Amino acid sequence: MNKFLFIFPGQGAQYKGIGNDIYNEYKIVRETYQEADDALDFSISNISFNDPKDQLNQTHYTQPALLTHSIACLRLFSEQIGHDCRPSITAGHSLGEYSSLVTANSMDFTTAINLVEKRGELMGLFGKGEMEALPIDRHKASDLALQHYCGVAACNLPEQTVVGGLADDLDMLVTKLQLDLPKKKTTRLKTEGAFHTYFMIEAANHFRPILESAEISPPTIDVISNLTGNAHSRDPEKIRAQLFLQLFNPVLWYESLDQAKQSNITNIIEFGGGIGGGDSAINKKPNLASIVKRYTRNFDNPPRYHSVINLRTLYATIEELAH
């Protein structure tokens, strides 16, 4: 019996033209983008497809753009495949957690789009610092971060940890790492702040009353929390609290993937976003694929991995699941 985990990417998976290919072909996608445009004070469809003012990579606009694309991909896939493929669990990386909560009927799409728009605005306005991906485990990264006034931001793999801090502090951190481990290569990430560290506390405090007024319901399936790596409580108040704390605490991503092992998941499907070269959606690859495959290949029965991020992957995944 097939059991599905649906996952959603966070920031870094946006690109100019995102969603345009599926928008041109399917009514349900056009309706989703119209729903987002109606909920916001700006056209997220125009920013996603054309980005005339170079706003897509600003956190304020990145977050609603990715949420809209993720939910559009999910709705399109569900429409095309019917009722044969429903998730047992859902998880999202950082921003992607909101797409997961929509998937689990814990919040409607309009609520989610308004929340992430404000979340992105506040993170861009009050956030400071930058982020660096390190090829070391969480404990080594934490020790290094503490020496340089930085913080652990994400635990993507047992040997891949992201830290955040001020640019000069990160520079000194990287210098120290290269002296100790000269073969290790690090990567500076393109973000507007040191997300998921103490640099986001002010943004979180401004976001809290917005979260408290949002309509949130008990999820109908398990939604994995970035904060704990375990399923959210069915209590909406606890979900609000964890979404608040998520802003300035590390994303425990590989611990979230452990839930796939414990639940005997047979298939993982990633929805939304895209990375890689080329200007066209057809050239894009799913954001989380490499991390997910590397981690789950050591499971006794590794789940099959699929994605729905454009027309090409939509058709490929439908074909794969038919066999």
Protein backbone atom coordinates (compact mmCIF):
# COMPACT_ATOMS: atom_id res chain seq x y z
CA MET A 1 0.00 0.00 0.00
CA ASN A 2 1.43 3.39 -1.04
CA LYS A 3 1.85 6.06 1.62
CA PHE A 4 2.74 9.60 0.57
CA LEU A 5 4.69 12.46 2.13
CA PHE A 6 4.09 15.82 0.42
CA ILE A 7 6.89 18.38 0.90
CA PHE A 8 7.32 22.06 0.03
CA PRO A 9 10.47 24.20 -0.41
CA GLY A 10 11.34 27.50 1.22
CA GLN A 11 13.12 30.60 0.00
CA GLY A 12 15.77 30.19 -2.65
CA ALA A 13 13.46 28.23 -4.96
CA GLN A 14 12.05 31.30 -6.73
CA TYR A 15 12.95 32.44 -10.24
CA LYS A 16 11.59 34.93 -12.77
CA GLY A 17 8.81 33.23 -14.70
CA ILE A 18 7.88 30.80 -11.92
CA GLY A 19 4.45 29.34 -12.51
CA ASN A 20 3.97 30.82 -15.97
CA ASP A 21 4.06 27.48 -17.81
CA ILE A 22 1.32 25.84 -15.75
CA TYR A 23 -0.66 29.10 -15.60
CA ASN A 24 -0.93 29.21 -19.39
CA GLU A 25 -2.22 25.64 -19.59
CA TYR A 26 -4.61 25.08 -16.69
CA LYS A 27 -7.63 26.93 -15.34
CA ILE A 28 -7.12 25.74 -11.75
CA VAL A 29 -3.70 27.39 -11.72
CA ARG A 30 -5.09 30.65 -13.08
CA GLU A 31 -7.77 30.56 -10.39
CA THR A 32 -5.13 30.03 -7.70
CA TYR A 33 -3.07 33.01 -8.86
CA GLN A 34 -6.20 35.14 -9.09
CA GLU A 35 -7.09 34.15 -5.53
CA ALA A 36 -3.63 35.27 -4.40
CA ASP A 37 -3.83 38.56 -6.32
CA ASP A 38 -7.24 39.29 -4.79
CA ALA A 39 -5.90 38.70 -1.28
CA LEU A 40 -2.83 40.94 -1.65
CA ASP A 41 -2.28 44.64 -2.31
CA PHE A 42 -0.09 43.79 -5.31
CA SER A 43 -0.13 41.34 -8.21
CA ILE A 44 1.93 38.34 -7.21
CA SER A 45 1.21 36.81 -10.61
CA ASN A 46 2.88 39.77 -12.39
CA ILE A 47 5.85 39.68 -10.02
CA SER A 48 6.20 35.91 -10.44
CA PHE A 49 5.90 35.84 -14.22
CA ASN A 50 7.51 39.16 -15.22
CA ASP A 51 9.17 40.73 -12.16
CA PRO A 52 9.20 44.19 -13.82
CA LYS A 53 10.66 45.97 -10.75
CA ASP A 54 13.09 43.23 -9.63
CA GLN A 55 11.05 42.45 -6.52
CA LEU A 56 10.86 38.66 -6.65
CA ASN A 57 14.03 38.11 -4.64
CA GLN A 58 12.89 40.49 -1.89
CA THR A 59 11.61 38.44 1.04
CA HIS A 60 8.37 40.42 1.16
CA TYR A 61 7.45 39.12 -2.31
CA THR A 62 9.41 35.86 -2.41
CA GLN A 63 7.29 34.26 0.28
CA PRO A 64 3.82 34.77 -1.27
CA ALA A 65 5.24 33.91 -4.71
CA LEU A 66 6.52 30.54 -3.52
CA LEU A 67 3.42 29.75 -1.48
CA THR A 68 1.21 30.51 -4.48
CA HIS A 69 3.31 28.39 -6.82
CA SER A 70 3.42 25.49 -4.36
CA ILE A 71 -0.35 25.45 -3.84
CA ALA A 72 -0.96 25.88 -7.57
CA CYS A 73 1.24 22.84 -8.29
CA LEU A 74 -0.51 20.85 -5.56
CA ARG A 75 -4.01 21.72 -6.78
CA LEU A 76 -3.08 20.96 -10.38
CA PHE A 77 -1.60 17.59 -9.47
CA SER A 78 -4.64 16.69 -7.35
CA GLU A 79 -6.97 17.62 -10.19
CA GLN A 80 -5.01 15.60 -12.74
CA ILE A 81 -4.53 12.46 -10.68
CA GLY A 82 -7.88 12.39 -8.88
CA HIS A 83 -8.28 10.84 -5.45
CA ASP A 84 -5.66 8.12 -5.84
CA CYS A 85 -2.84 10.06 -4.20
CA ARG A 86 -3.40 11.72 -0.86
CA PRO A 87 -0.68 12.39 1.71
CA SER A 88 -0.38 10.68 5.06
CA ILE A 89 2.08 13.35 6.22
CA THR A 90 3.19 16.74 4.94
CA ALA A 91 6.25 18.89 5.68
CA GLY A 92 7.74 22.13 4.43
CA HIS A 93 11.15 23.72 4.78
CA SER A 94 10.80 27.07 6.62
CA LEU A 95 8.27 29.03 4.55
CA GLY A 96 7.13 25.69 3.10
CA GLU A 97 5.55 24.82 6.46
CA TYR A 98 2.69 27.17 5.56
CA SER A 99 2.02 25.24 2.35
CA SER A 100 1.93 22.09 4.47
CA LEU A 101 -0.65 23.61 6.79
CA VAL A 102 -2.81 24.53 3.79
CA THR A 103 -2.45 20.96 2.51
CA ALA A 104 -3.66 19.65 5.88
CA ASN A 105 -6.64 22.04 5.95
CA SER A 106 -5.25 23.78 9.02
CA MET A 107 -5.51 27.15 7.29
CA ASP A 108 -7.08 28.20 4.02
CA PHE A 109 -5.01 29.54 1.17
CA THR A 110 -6.10 33.16 1.66
CA THR A 111 -5.12 33.07 5.32
CA ALA A 112 -1.76 31.56 4.46
CA ILE A 113 -0.99 34.06 1.69
CA ASN A 114 -1.74 36.98 4.00
CA LEU A 115 0.38 35.49 6.78
CA VAL A 116 3.44 34.84 4.63
CA GLU A 117 3.18 38.26 2.99
CA LYS A 118 3.40 39.91 6.42
CA ARG A 119 6.01 37.39 7.57
CA GLY A 120 8.20 38.22 4.59
CA GLU A 121 7.69 41.95 4.99
CA LEU A 122 8.68 41.87 8.67
CA MET A 123 11.65 39.57 8.10
CA GLY A 124 12.96 41.94 5.43
CA LEU A 125 12.26 45.04 7.50
CA PHE A 126 13.60 43.98 10.89
CA GLY A 127 15.98 41.16 10.01
CA LYS A 128 19.74 41.57 9.93
CA GLY A 129 22.68 39.46 8.86
CA GLU A 130 23.41 36.80 6.27
CA MET A 131 23.58 32.99 6.09
CA GLU A 132 26.30 30.44 5.34
CA ALA A 133 25.91 26.73 4.52
CA LEU A 134 28.57 24.62 6.24
CA PRO A 135 29.46 20.97 5.40
CA ILE A 136 29.67 19.97 9.08
CA ASP A 137 27.31 18.54 11.68
CA ARG A 138 25.09 20.57 13.97
CA HIS A 139 27.28 20.23 17.06
CA LYS A 140 30.44 21.45 15.30
CA ALA A 141 28.49 24.25 13.62
CA SER A 142 26.92 25.32 16.91
CA ASP A 143 30.30 25.48 18.64
CA LEU A 144 31.75 27.50 15.77
CA ALA A 145 28.72 29.81 15.70
CA LEU A 146 28.94 30.53 19.43
CA GLN A 147 32.54 31.66 19.01
CA HIS A 148 31.48 34.24 16.41
CA TYR A 149 28.15 35.64 17.65
CA CYS A 150 26.27 33.57 15.10
CA GLY A 151 23.48 31.00 15.37
CA VAL A 152 22.46 27.70 13.80
CA ALA A 153 19.65 28.35 11.30
CA ALA A 154 18.95 24.98 9.66
CA CYS A 155 19.97 21.36 10.03
CA ASN A 156 19.44 20.10 6.50
CA LEU A 157 21.51 16.92 6.74
CA PRO A 158 23.62 15.35 9.48
CA GLU A 159 26.66 16.85 7.72
CA GLN A 160 25.06 20.03 6.32
CA THR A 161 24.22 22.88 8.67
CA VAL A 162 23.31 26.49 7.90
CA VAL A 163 24.37 29.29 10.25
CA GLY A 164 23.41 32.94 10.35
CA GLY A 165 25.14 36.09 11.58
CA LEU A 166 26.51 39.47 10.60
CA ALA A 167 28.64 39.45 7.46
CA ASP A 168 31.93 40.18 9.23
CA ASP A 169 31.25 37.54 11.86
CA LEU A 170 30.44 34.96 9.20
CA ASP A 171 33.65 35.85 7.38
CA MET A 172 35.66 35.16 10.54
CA LEU A 173 33.70 31.95 11.14
CA VAL A 174 34.51 30.70 7.65
CA THR A 175 38.18 31.63 8.06
CA LYS A 176 38.34 29.63 11.31
CA LEU A 177 36.64 26.63 9.69
CA GLN A 178 39.02 26.68 6.73
CA LEU A 179 42.02 26.78 9.06
CA ASP A 180 40.72 23.78 10.99
CA LEU A 181 39.24 21.87 8.04
CA PRO A 182 40.86 23.23 4.84
CA LYS A 183 39.09 20.77 2.55
CA LYS A 184 35.62 21.91 3.59
CA LYS A 185 33.86 24.35 1.24
CA THR A 186 31.17 26.71 2.49
CA THR A 187 28.50 28.67 0.60
CA ARG A 188 27.13 32.15 1.36
CA LEU A 189 23.38 32.16 0.78
CA LYS A 190 21.47 34.99 -0.86
CA THR A 191 19.05 36.07 1.86
CA GLU A 192 17.92 39.35 3.39
CA GLY A 193 18.81 38.26 6.89
CA ALA A 194 20.00 35.54 9.23
CA PHE A 195 16.70 33.67 9.17
CA HIS A 196 15.86 31.24 11.98
CA THR A 197 18.38 32.82 14.38
CA TYR A 198 18.17 35.44 17.13
CA PHE A 199 18.43 38.12 14.45
CA MET A 200 14.75 37.42 13.66
CA ILE A 201 13.38 37.94 17.19
CA GLU A 202 12.21 41.50 16.51
CA ALA A 203 10.44 40.40 13.33
CA ALA A 204 8.82 37.53 15.26
CA ASN A 205 7.54 39.87 17.98
CA HIS A 206 5.84 42.02 15.34
CA PHE A 207 4.46 38.91 13.65
CA ARG A 208 2.98 37.41 16.82
CA PRO A 209 -0.26 39.49 16.95
CA ILE A 210 -0.85 38.76 13.27
CA LEU A 211 -0.51 35.03 13.94
CA GLU A 212 -2.78 35.29 16.98
CA SER A 213 -5.57 36.80 14.90
CA ALA A 214 -5.28 34.27 12.05
CA GLU A 215 -7.87 31.53 11.70
CA ILE A 216 -6.16 28.18 12.22
CA SER A 217 -7.91 24.81 12.52
CA PRO A 218 -6.75 21.39 13.70
CA PRO A 219 -4.85 19.74 10.81
CA THR A 220 -6.56 16.74 9.21
CA ILE A 221 -3.23 14.94 8.66
CA ASP A 222 0.15 15.14 10.37
CA VAL A 223 2.10 18.32 9.60
CA ILE A 224 5.74 18.18 10.62
CA SER A 225 6.94 21.16 12.61
CA ASN A 226 10.28 22.75 11.65
CA LEU A 227 10.75 23.64 15.30
CA THR A 228 10.55 20.12 16.75
CA GLY A 229 10.94 17.74 13.80
CA ASN A 230 7.73 16.06 14.97
CA ALA A 231 4.07 16.38 14.05
CA HIS A 232 2.26 19.52 15.10
CA SER A 233 -0.32 19.29 17.86
CA ARG A 234 -3.95 19.39 16.77
CA ASP A 235 -4.31 22.44 19.04
CA PRO A 236 -4.34 25.65 16.92
CA GLU A 237 -2.85 27.69 19.77
CA LYS A 238 0.17 25.41 19.89
CA ILE A 239 0.52 25.66 16.11
CA ARG A 240 0.56 29.46 16.36
CA ALA A 241 3.21 29.32 19.08
CA GLN A 242 5.44 27.03 17.03
CA LEU A 243 5.11 29.22 13.93
CA PHE A 244 6.19 32.18 16.08
CA LEU A 245 9.16 30.30 17.54
CA GLN A 246 10.07 28.88 14.11
CA LEU A 247 11.17 32.34 13.00
CA PHE A 248 14.18 32.44 15.32
CA ASN A 249 14.98 28.77 15.88
CA PRO A 250 16.70 26.26 13.57
CA VAL A 251 14.80 24.31 10.93
CA LEU A 252 15.22 20.65 11.93
CA TRP A 253 14.81 19.34 8.42
CA TYR A 254 16.49 15.95 8.44
CA GLU A 255 14.76 15.17 11.73
CA SER A 256 11.50 15.96 9.93
CA LEU A 257 12.43 13.41 7.27
CA ASP A 258 12.79 10.79 9.99
CA GLN A 259 9.01 10.86 10.18
CA ALA A 260 8.93 9.34 6.69
CA LYS A 261 10.91 6.37 7.99
CA GLN A 262 8.75 5.95 11.07
CA SER A 263 5.55 6.13 9.02
CA ASN A 264 6.73 3.73 6.30
CA ILE A 265 6.33 6.33 3.57
CA THR A 266 6.68 4.81 0.09
CA ASN A 267 6.61 8.01 -2.01
CA ILE A 268 7.71 11.60 -1.46
CA ILE A 269 6.43 14.35 -3.74
CA GLU A 270 7.87 17.89 -3.73
CA PHE A 271 5.57 20.70 -4.90
CA GLY A 272 6.60 24.16 -6.09
CA GLY A 273 9.70 26.23 -6.69
CA GLY A 274 12.68 25.39 -8.87
CA ILE A 275 16.44 25.83 -8.98
CA GLY A 276 19.19 25.56 -11.58
CA GLY A 277 20.31 27.29 -14.73
CA GLY A 278 18.29 28.37 -17.72
CA ASP A 279 15.53 30.93 -18.06
CA SER A 280 12.71 28.49 -18.66
CA ALA A 281 10.67 26.48 -16.18
CA ILE A 282 11.48 23.32 -18.13
CA ASN A 283 15.14 23.58 -17.08
CA LYS A 284 14.44 23.84 -13.35
CA LYS A 285 15.07 21.13 -10.78
CA PRO A 286 13.30 20.64 -7.45
CA ASN A 287 14.91 22.48 -4.57
CA LEU A 288 14.86 19.74 -1.93
CA ALA A 289 15.59 16.71 -4.12
CA SER A 290 19.29 16.34 -3.36
CA ILE A 291 18.87 16.65 0.41
CA VAL A 292 15.90 14.29 0.53
CA LYS A 293 17.51 11.62 -1.64
CA ARG A 294 20.81 11.74 0.23
CA TYR A 295 19.11 11.32 3.57
CA THR A 296 16.49 8.72 2.69
CA ARG A 297 18.78 6.44 0.66
CA ASN A 298 19.96 4.95 3.95
CA PHE A 299 16.44 3.90 4.95
CA ASP A 300 15.75 0.16 4.88
CA ASN A 301 13.14 0.80 2.19
CA PRO A 302 13.94 4.19 0.64
CA PRO A 303 10.83 5.99 -0.64
CA ARG A 304 10.51 6.90 -4.30
CA TYR A 305 11.04 10.60 -4.93
CA HIS A 306 8.93 12.68 -7.34
CA SER A 307 8.28 16.36 -7.94
CA VAL A 308 5.63 18.64 -9.39
CA ILE A 309 7.28 22.00 -10.09
CA ASN A 310 6.45 22.57 -13.78
CA LEU A 311 4.66 20.89 -16.71
CA ARG A 312 7.51 18.46 -17.36
CA THR A 313 7.65 17.13 -13.81
CA LEU A 314 3.85 17.05 -13.51
CA TYR A 315 3.53 14.68 -16.46
CA ALA A 316 6.57 12.63 -15.40
CA THR A 317 5.24 12.12 -11.87
CA ILE A 318 1.80 11.10 -13.07
CA GLU A 319 3.46 8.58 -15.38
CA GLU A 320 5.73 7.26 -12.61
CA LEU A 321 2.85 6.77 -10.19
CA ALA A 322 0.88 4.85 -12.82
CA HIS A 323 3.51 2.07 -12.76
